[in-house]
Amino acid sequence: AGKGTSGSTSGSGTSKGAANEATGSAGGGMWHPRMKKGGGERTGPQPPLIMHGVNLVPPRNGLHADQDVTLASMVKAVRVAERTGAANVTVLAVERQGDEDYPLPDHERFVRSKSLRRTVLDSPHAQLYLNATTPRRPLPLLADILGALFDASDAATEFLVFTNADIGLQPDFYAAAVRLASRRGAVAINRVEIPDCEDAQSGDKFGVQDMDRIYELGQSAPQKHHGFDCFVWRRKLTPLVRLAVGNLCVGYPPLGNVLVDALTCATPKFEVIKGEHHTFHLGDRNGGWGLHRDQYEGYNRLSRKMAEAALVRLAQLRQGCLGQGDQGDQGELTASLRTKAGGRGPAWEDDPAATSAAASAAASAEKAKKAEKGAKKRGQ
């Protein structure tokens, strides 16, 4: 129940029980949070179901140590949530086809989604920013990752979570996530930045052997970072949010800001949680995008402009269809938004010619605006 074919995930999964991993079903022998470990279905009141998505970076891309710490923290947080009855959590690795080689923890709650086949390189307007010398980085699209999360869960799943691959969790993270999102419908939780080593002179980086120290630093260090890399929202909001994030790819700004805008439009109670200690990040580096940041960030900023019209429509339609809070017929709102948007959602294959034309027009307008500013400066 509650599943659709968004087109966001395609291809076959790469681990055992692939068909069931893609749907989150309990059939075919795959364990499900609503099942007893010895077999049969649980009865009585149950903790909320959470599906937590993370887009892991392949080992060859340099985030190996950070991701090992991330996954170790997730394992502990999942176990604490289960032991305390705070939530039943499934962690879903959402990866591009061909990048499914990062090892997952040997834990029944960690599964892989269907492989993502589309990347930013398939976008018809990527060519406007990626020139012949730009390294080709097959980065997944945020809308496809959100679609994979939605498709892999079912209607019984109350909350979805998305975090960057280098964001670690405190052991009580899921209890905090349920508490915060239950009252608001959706939240972004700002991270705590901690040193990536105990002694800067030695250069020995923190790893999974240092988790106790990492947790301690994550609780004692001040929460100062203002960026967005951890999101929790009610699953039923996902179709609306996907429409509003456009064709942004992961890894470059302003992805976090756009997802905040989308969740703000989807539920008026959305809030950014600051000053608390629920997630952590090793070191204070931000991104590490490299020499060609301008091209990929330029693509994302163009995609954001193209998504702004959908955000405006989403806010207007939410007021008309949802009334107060996030109650209402989400399917009706999604269908209405697609109709008023000319039938196009974030997937450009719906109308590639129109999307490409819109991208060219937006890029031309942006270049003209920059040229006008440059002329004014030279005139002064």
Foldseek 3Di string as FASTA:
>chain_A
DQADPPVLFDAFFDDPPGVLQQAQDPPPPQHHLQADPVGDGDDDDAAAEEEEEEADDAPVPPCLQLLQQQLLLVVLLQVLCVVVRNYHYAYEHAYAVPRPPDDHDPDSRYYYHHHGDQFPVPALLLPVQADPPRDDDRFRWPLSRLSSSSNSDHPRHFKYKYFYSNKHWANNQSSVLCVVCVVQQKEFEAAFEDAQDPDVVVVDGDGPVCNVVVNVRLQPGWRDDDFTGMMMGTSLLSLQLSQQQAGAGPQAPDNRVSSQLSVCLQWVSYYYDHGHRTMYGHHDDDRPPPDSRCRNNVVSVLRNVVSVVLSVLSNVLCCVAVPHGNHGDSVVSSVVSCVVVVNDGRDCVVPVVVVSVSSVVSVVVVVVVVVVVVVVVVVD
